[in-house]
Amino acid sequence: MKNITDITITIFVLPILLVIIPIIYFLILITDGSPAIYKQERVGRYGKIFILYKFRTMDQSSDENIHEEHYKNLSKEETVEPSLKPGNPIRIENDDRITKIGKFLRKTSLDELPNLFNVLFGEMSIVGPRPLVKYESDLLGKYQETRHSVKPGITGLAQTQGRLDLSLQERLYWDLEYVNKYNLFLDLKIIFQTIMSVISRKGAS
């Protein structure tokens, strides 16, 4: 049922995407050059690595090691265990690597639209824990297997609870909550809440 729902929703919005995606693609090319699509290895279901597609939102010369160091520093300060205790947020404050159009795409979550191709390829779901980079996944230790027992999603329970305003512990808590409780009604609720979060831009980078 979840797979059918994913494909149905994707096909339903495809005509709209065929208009929006080319516009965003060429805006990135015009304002910041090629490539417009960013490809990155992410950890999928059962730990399988796949290529995630997003619109590029950072400067082409940006140092990706900054992101990795940021996450490793967060994990040094606080043990990554599922908890609702507030901690340091995931976001990198005042990240000057993000382009002008990238800021808009992130605030509106339009940078994630190419993720729908990952859904069509069967690598992702509409709803599920966000797919992590390998070094992020490794920080979860014994919780990796449970978190990766479902397909990663374009949006998830953690995204409705604060997105990048969450700490690593809070994000893990909500991700595990989803894995333990997910059902069609919860998925529909998360999709609705995600739309509201995007409109309010709560927790966006």
C-alpha atoms as a PDB file:
ATOM      1  CA  MET A   1       0.000   0.000   0.000  1.00  0.00           C
ATOM      2  CA  LYS A   2       2.840   2.409   0.832  1.00  0.00           C
ATOM      3  CA  ASN A   3       4.527   1.749  -2.527  1.00  0.00           C
ATOM      4  CA  ILE A   4       1.246   2.260  -4.370  1.00  0.00           C
ATOM      5  CA  THR A   5       0.654   5.523  -2.501  1.00  0.00           C
ATOM      6  CA  ASP A   6       4.167   6.756  -3.346  1.00  0.00           C
ATOM      7  CA  ILE A   7       3.799   6.067  -7.057  1.00  0.00           C
ATOM      8  CA  THR A   8       0.244   7.449  -7.184  1.00  0.00           C
ATOM      9  CA  ILE A   9       1.216  10.745  -5.537  1.00  0.00           C
ATOM     10  CA  THR A  10       4.321  11.086  -7.720  1.00  0.00           C
ATOM     11  CA  ILE A  11       2.407  10.452 -10.944  1.00  0.00           C
ATOM     12  CA  PHE A  12      -0.344  12.837  -9.817  1.00  0.00           C
ATOM     13  CA  VAL A  13       2.078  15.747  -9.309  1.00  0.00           C
ATOM     14  CA  LEU A  14       4.274  14.869 -12.308  1.00  0.00           C
ATOM     15  CA  PRO A  15       2.513  17.232 -14.767  1.00  0.00           C
ATOM     16  CA  ILE A  16       3.148  20.138 -12.383  1.00  0.00           C
ATOM     17  CA  LEU A  17       6.755  19.074 -11.874  1.00  0.00           C
ATOM     18  CA  LEU A  18       7.375  18.951 -15.619  1.00  0.00           C
ATOM     19  CA  VAL A  19       6.723  22.711 -15.593  1.00  0.00           C
ATOM     20  CA  ILE A  20       8.405  23.708 -12.325  1.00  0.00           C
ATOM     21  CA  ILE A  21      11.560  21.568 -12.521  1.00  0.00           C
ATOM     22  CA  PRO A  22      12.810  22.960 -15.894  1.00  0.00           C
ATOM     23  CA  ILE A  23      12.216  26.532 -14.668  1.00  0.00           C
ATOM     24  CA  ILE A  24      14.275  25.976 -11.504  1.00  0.00           C
ATOM     25  CA  TYR A  25      16.910  24.066 -13.489  1.00  0.00           C
ATOM     26  CA  PHE A  26      17.501  26.930 -15.920  1.00  0.00           C
ATOM     27  CA  LEU A  27      17.368  29.597 -13.175  1.00  0.00           C
ATOM     28  CA  ILE A  28      20.263  27.841 -11.435  1.00  0.00           C
ATOM     29  CA  LEU A  29      22.193  27.579 -14.712  1.00  0.00           C
ATOM     30  CA  ILE A  30      21.652  31.274 -15.472  1.00  0.00           C
ATOM     31  CA  THR A  31      22.485  32.566 -11.975  1.00  0.00           C
ATOM     32  CA  ASP A  32      25.205  30.166 -10.863  1.00  0.00           C
ATOM     33  CA  GLY A  33      26.217  27.973 -13.777  1.00  0.00           C
ATOM     34  CA  SER A  34      26.369  24.206 -14.179  1.00  0.00           C
ATOM     35  CA  PRO A  35      25.604  21.720 -12.732  1.00  0.00           C
ATOM     36  CA  ALA A  36      22.062  22.511 -11.619  1.00  0.00           C
ATOM     37  CA  ILE A  37      21.465  19.027 -10.202  1.00  0.00           C
ATOM     38  CA  TYR A  38      23.448  17.912  -7.163  1.00  0.00           C
ATOM     39  CA  LYS A  39      24.144  14.192  -6.789  1.00  0.00           C
ATOM     40  CA  GLN A  40      25.249  12.630  -3.529  1.00  0.00           C
ATOM     41  CA  GLU A  41      25.577   9.138  -2.109  1.00  0.00           C
ATOM     42  CA  ARG A  42      23.088   8.489   0.691  1.00  0.00           C
ATOM     43  CA  VAL A  43      22.247   5.524   2.901  1.00  0.00           C
ATOM     44  CA  GLY A  44      18.972   3.861   1.951  1.00  0.00           C
ATOM     45  CA  ARG A  45      16.895   0.967   3.203  1.00  0.00           C
ATOM     46  CA  TYR A  46      18.910  -1.832   4.827  1.00  0.00           C
ATOM     47  CA  GLY A  47      22.019   0.351   4.538  1.00  0.00           C
ATOM     48  CA  LYS A  48      22.141   0.200   0.738  1.00  0.00           C
ATOM     49  CA  ILE A  49      23.893   3.200  -0.830  1.00  0.00           C
ATOM     50  CA  PHE A  50      22.050   5.104  -3.580  1.00  0.00           C
ATOM     51  CA  ILE A  51      22.465   8.391  -5.458  1.00  0.00           C
ATOM     52  CA  LEU A  52      20.201  11.185  -4.215  1.00  0.00           C
ATOM     53  CA  TYR A  53      19.156  13.922  -6.657  1.00  0.00           C
ATOM     54  CA  LYS A  54      18.593  17.496  -5.513  1.00  0.00           C
ATOM     55  CA  PHE A  55      18.821  20.968  -6.986  1.00  0.00           C
ATOM     56  CA  ARG A  56      22.226  22.437  -6.193  1.00  0.00           C
ATOM     57  CA  THR A  57      21.935  25.158  -3.541  1.00  0.00           C
ATOM     58  CA  MET A  58      25.587  25.722  -2.666  1.00  0.00           C
ATOM     59  CA  ASP A  59      28.437  27.449  -4.421  1.00  0.00           C
ATOM     60  CA  GLN A  60      30.319  25.119  -6.757  1.00  0.00           C
ATOM     61  CA  SER A  61      33.589  25.703  -4.881  1.00  0.00           C
ATOM     62  CA  SER A  62      32.094  25.028  -1.438  1.00  0.00           C
ATOM     63  CA  ASP A  63      33.976  22.713   0.901  1.00  0.00           C
ATOM     64  CA  GLU A  64      31.782  19.706   1.743  1.00  0.00           C
ATOM     65  CA  ASN A  65      34.097  18.765   4.613  1.00  0.00           C
ATOM     66  CA  ILE A  66      32.612  21.660   6.601  1.00  0.00           C
ATOM     67  CA  HIS A  67      29.324  19.770   6.849  1.00  0.00           C
ATOM     68  CA  GLU A  68      31.027  16.575   7.994  1.00  0.00           C
ATOM     69  CA  GLU A  69      33.096  18.378  10.629  1.00  0.00           C
ATOM     70  CA  HIS A  70      29.970  20.146  11.898  1.00  0.00           C
ATOM     71  CA  TYR A  71      28.165  16.853  12.486  1.00  0.00           C
ATOM     72  CA  LYS A  72      31.172  15.227  14.098  1.00  0.00           C
ATOM     73  CA  ASN A  73      31.524  18.194  16.459  1.00  0.00           C
ATOM     74  CA  LEU A  74      27.863  17.927  17.412  1.00  0.00           C
ATOM     75  CA  SER A  75      28.280  14.238  18.219  1.00  0.00           C
ATOM     76  CA  LYS A  76      31.351  14.974  20.367  1.00  0.00           C
ATOM     77  CA  GLU A  77      29.403  17.458  22.469  1.00  0.00           C
ATOM     78  CA  GLU A  78      26.377  15.205  22.938  1.00  0.00           C
ATOM     79  CA  THR A  79      26.063  11.411  22.661  1.00  0.00           C
ATOM     80  CA  VAL A  80      23.690  10.554  19.826  1.00  0.00           C
ATOM     81  CA  GLU A  81      20.837   8.824  21.646  1.00  0.00           C
ATOM     82  CA  PRO A  82      17.115   9.237  20.922  1.00  0.00           C
ATOM     83  CA  SER A  83      15.906  12.038  23.182  1.00  0.00           C
ATOM     84  CA  LEU A  84      13.570  15.038  23.224  1.00  0.00           C
ATOM     85  CA  LYS A  85      16.018  16.949  25.388  1.00  0.00           C
ATOM     86  CA  PRO A  86      16.930  20.120  23.449  1.00  0.00           C
ATOM     87  CA  GLY A  87      20.488  20.322  22.167  1.00  0.00           C
ATOM     88  CA  ASN A  88      22.572  22.101  19.561  1.00  0.00           C
ATOM     89  CA  PRO A  89      20.584  22.400  16.319  1.00  0.00           C
ATOM     90  CA  ILE A  90      21.646  20.515  13.186  1.00  0.00           C
ATOM     91  CA  ARG A  91      21.782  23.649  11.057  1.00  0.00           C
ATOM     92  CA  ILE A  92      25.012  25.468  10.259  1.00  0.00           C
ATOM     93  CA  GLU A  93      24.316  29.090  11.164  1.00  0.00           C
ATOM     94  CA  ASN A  94      25.076  31.784   8.580  1.00  0.00           C
ATOM     95  CA  ASP A  95      26.358  29.294   6.025  1.00  0.00           C
ATOM     96  CA  ASP A  96      27.864  31.494   3.314  1.00  0.00           C
ATOM     97  CA  ARG A  97      28.249  28.528   0.940  1.00  0.00           C
ATOM     98  CA  ILE A  98      24.539  28.741   0.052  1.00  0.00           C
ATOM     99  CA  THR A  99      23.765  30.703  -3.119  1.00  0.00           C
ATOM    100  CA  LYS A 100      21.064  33.375  -3.334  1.00  0.00           C
ATOM    101  CA  ILE A 101      18.705  31.140  -5.279  1.00  0.00           C
ATOM    102  CA  GLY A 102      19.744  28.266  -3.025  1.00  0.00           C
ATOM    103  CA  LYS A 103      18.422  30.119   0.028  1.00  0.00           C
ATOM    104  CA  PHE A 104      15.030  30.469  -1.634  1.00  0.00           C
ATOM    105  CA  LEU A 105      14.976  26.832  -2.738  1.00  0.00           C
ATOM    106  CA  ARG A 106      15.831  25.629   0.754  1.00  0.00           C
ATOM    107  CA  LYS A 107      13.296  27.828   2.515  1.00  0.00           C
ATOM    108  CA  THR A 108      10.563  26.543   0.197  1.00  0.00           C
ATOM    109  CA  SER A 109      11.979  22.966   0.057  1.00  0.00           C
ATOM    110  CA  LEU A 110      11.894  23.174  -3.749  1.00  0.00           C
ATOM    111  CA  ASP A 111      15.490  21.896  -3.794  1.00  0.00           C
ATOM    112  CA  GLU A 112      14.073  18.474  -2.844  1.00  0.00           C
ATOM    113  CA  LEU A 113      11.813  18.137  -5.917  1.00  0.00           C
ATOM    114  CA  PRO A 114      14.285  15.887  -7.825  1.00  0.00           C
ATOM    115  CA  ASN A 115      13.928  13.436  -4.902  1.00  0.00           C
ATOM    116  CA  LEU A 116      10.709  12.358  -6.630  1.00  0.00           C
ATOM    117  CA  PHE A 117      12.825  10.605  -9.250  1.00  0.00           C
ATOM    118  CA  ASN A 118      14.355   8.581  -6.411  1.00  0.00           C
ATOM    119  CA  VAL A 119      10.791   7.655  -5.418  1.00  0.00           C
ATOM    120  CA  LEU A 120      10.046   6.494  -8.969  1.00  0.00           C
ATOM    121  CA  PHE A 121      13.273   4.454  -8.940  1.00  0.00           C
ATOM    122  CA  GLY A 122      12.064   2.732  -5.758  1.00  0.00           C
ATOM    123  CA  GLU A 123      14.944   4.087  -3.654  1.00  0.00           C
ATOM    124  CA  MET A 124      12.868   6.457  -1.539  1.00  0.00           C
ATOM    125  CA  SER A 125       9.349   6.953  -0.257  1.00  0.00           C
ATOM    126  CA  ILE A 126       7.319  10.160  -0.017  1.00  0.00           C
ATOM    127  CA  VAL A 127       7.404   9.811   3.782  1.00  0.00           C
ATOM    128  CA  GLY A 128      10.199   8.314   5.883  1.00  0.00           C
ATOM    129  CA  PRO A 129      13.366   9.328   7.735  1.00  0.00           C
ATOM    130  CA  ARG A 130      15.464  11.646   5.590  1.00  0.00           C
ATOM    131  CA  PRO A 131      18.322   9.761   3.853  1.00  0.00           C
ATOM    132  CA  LEU A 132      21.652  10.368   5.563  1.00  0.00           C
ATOM    133  CA  VAL A 133      25.170  10.741   4.257  1.00  0.00           C
ATOM    134  CA  LYS A 134      27.373   7.805   5.357  1.00  0.00           C
ATOM    135  CA  TYR A 135      29.223   9.791   8.031  1.00  0.00           C
ATOM    136  CA  GLU A 136      25.885  10.962   9.498  1.00  0.00           C
ATOM    137  CA  SER A 137      24.585   7.412   9.569  1.00  0.00           C
ATOM    138  CA  ASP A 138      27.727   6.146  11.264  1.00  0.00           C
ATOM    139  CA  LEU A 139      27.117   8.525  14.184  1.00  0.00           C
ATOM    140  CA  LEU A 140      23.915   6.627  15.032  1.00  0.00           C
ATOM    141  CA  GLY A 141      25.760   3.470  16.066  1.00  0.00           C
ATOM    142  CA  LYS A 142      23.378   0.727  17.209  1.00  0.00           C
ATOM    143  CA  TYR A 143      20.344   2.703  15.983  1.00  0.00           C
ATOM    144  CA  GLN A 144      21.371   2.537  12.311  1.00  0.00           C
ATOM    145  CA  GLU A 145      19.739  -0.816  11.622  1.00  0.00           C
ATOM    146  CA  THR A 146      16.341   0.228  13.008  1.00  0.00           C
ATOM    147  CA  ARG A 147      16.376   3.617  11.303  1.00  0.00           C
ATOM    148  CA  HIS A 148      17.287   2.065   7.951  1.00  0.00           C
ATOM    149  CA  SER A 149      14.658  -0.692   8.155  1.00  0.00           C
ATOM    150  CA  VAL A 150      12.288   1.506   6.110  1.00  0.00           C
ATOM    151  CA  LYS A 151      12.831   3.479   2.927  1.00  0.00           C
ATOM    152  CA  PRO A 152      14.105   7.017   3.471  1.00  0.00           C
ATOM    153  CA  GLY A 153      11.619   9.753   2.632  1.00  0.00           C
ATOM    154  CA  ILE A 154      11.359  13.157   1.024  1.00  0.00           C
ATOM    155  CA  THR A 155       9.747  14.254   4.277  1.00  0.00           C
ATOM    156  CA  GLY A 156       9.319  12.603   7.640  1.00  0.00           C
ATOM    157  CA  LEU A 157       8.141  12.954  11.206  1.00  0.00           C
ATOM    158  CA  ALA A 158      11.331  14.804  12.179  1.00  0.00           C
ATOM    159  CA  GLN A 159      10.716  17.358   9.421  1.00  0.00           C
ATOM    160  CA  THR A 160       7.313  18.199  10.903  1.00  0.00           C
ATOM    161  CA  GLN A 161       8.842  18.721  14.343  1.00  0.00           C
ATOM    162  CA  GLY A 162      11.400  21.372  13.477  1.00  0.00           C
ATOM    163  CA  ARG A 163      13.575  20.255  10.566  1.00  0.00           C
ATOM    164  CA  LEU A 164      17.049  21.792  11.014  1.00  0.00           C
ATOM    165  CA  ASP A 165      16.117  23.330  14.355  1.00  0.00           C
ATOM    166  CA  LEU A 166      16.300  19.848  15.876  1.00  0.00           C
ATOM    167  CA  SER A 167      19.387  18.386  17.532  1.00  0.00           C
ATOM    168  CA  LEU A 168      20.855  15.072  16.375  1.00  0.00           C
ATOM    169  CA  GLN A 169      19.186  13.398  19.371  1.00  0.00           C
ATOM    170  CA  GLU A 170      15.767  14.909  18.666  1.00  0.00           C
ATOM    171  CA  ARG A 171      15.924  13.970  14.992  1.00  0.00           C
ATOM    172  CA  LEU A 172      16.852  10.397  15.879  1.00  0.00           C
ATOM    173  CA  TYR A 173      13.990  10.235  18.395  1.00  0.00           C
ATOM    174  CA  TRP A 174      11.384  11.279  15.826  1.00  0.00           C
ATOM    175  CA  ASP A 175      12.867   9.043  13.120  1.00  0.00           C
ATOM    176  CA  LEU A 176      12.629   5.999  15.392  1.00  0.00           C
ATOM    177  CA  GLU A 177       9.096   7.025  16.401  1.00  0.00           C
ATOM    178  CA  TYR A 178       8.131   6.933  12.730  1.00  0.00           C
ATOM    179  CA  VAL A 179       9.755   3.536  12.131  1.00  0.00           C
ATOM    180  CA  ASN A 180       7.872   2.062  15.107  1.00  0.00           C
ATOM    181  CA  LYS A 181       4.485   3.601  14.329  1.00  0.00           C
ATOM    182  CA  TYR A 182       4.249   4.281  10.601  1.00  0.00           C
ATOM    183  CA  ASN A 183       0.971   3.661   8.785  1.00  0.00           C
ATOM    184  CA  LEU A 184      -0.964   5.233   5.919  1.00  0.00           C
ATOM    185  CA  PHE A 185      -2.860   7.661   8.178  1.00  0.00           C
ATOM    186  CA  LEU A 186       0.401   8.856   9.767  1.00  0.00           C
ATOM    187  CA  ASP A 187       1.947   9.324   6.315  1.00  0.00           C
ATOM    188  CA  LEU A 188      -0.976  11.479   5.167  1.00  0.00           C
ATOM    189  CA  LYS A 189      -0.779  13.505   8.384  1.00  0.00           C
ATOM    190  CA  ILE A 190       2.966  14.086   7.881  1.00  0.00           C
ATOM    191  CA  ILE A 191       2.420  15.180   4.263  1.00  0.00           C
ATOM    192  CA  PHE A 192      -0.179  17.741   5.408  1.00  0.00           C
ATOM    193  CA  GLN A 193       2.039  18.975   8.266  1.00  0.00           C
ATOM    194  CA  THR A 194       5.000  19.247   5.885  1.00  0.00           C
ATOM    195  CA  ILE A 195       2.996  21.487   3.564  1.00  0.00           C
ATOM    196  CA  MET A 196       2.139  23.708   6.555  1.00  0.00           C
ATOM    197  CA  SER A 197       5.806  23.771   7.659  1.00  0.00           C
ATOM    198  CA  VAL A 198       6.960  24.756   4.171  1.00  0.00           C
ATOM    199  CA  ILE A 199       4.389  27.546   4.039  1.00  0.00           C
ATOM    200  CA  SER A 200       5.526  28.853   7.442  1.00  0.00           C
ATOM    201  CA  ARG A 201       9.191  28.074   6.594  1.00  0.00           C
ATOM    202  CA  LYS A 202       9.633  26.744  10.126  1.00  0.00           C
ATOM    203  CA  GLY A 203      13.037  25.156  10.663  1.00  0.00           C
ATOM    204  CA  ALA A 204      14.227  25.818   7.106  1.00  0.00           C
ATOM    205  CA  SER A 205      17.875  26.650   6.395  1.00  0.00           C
END
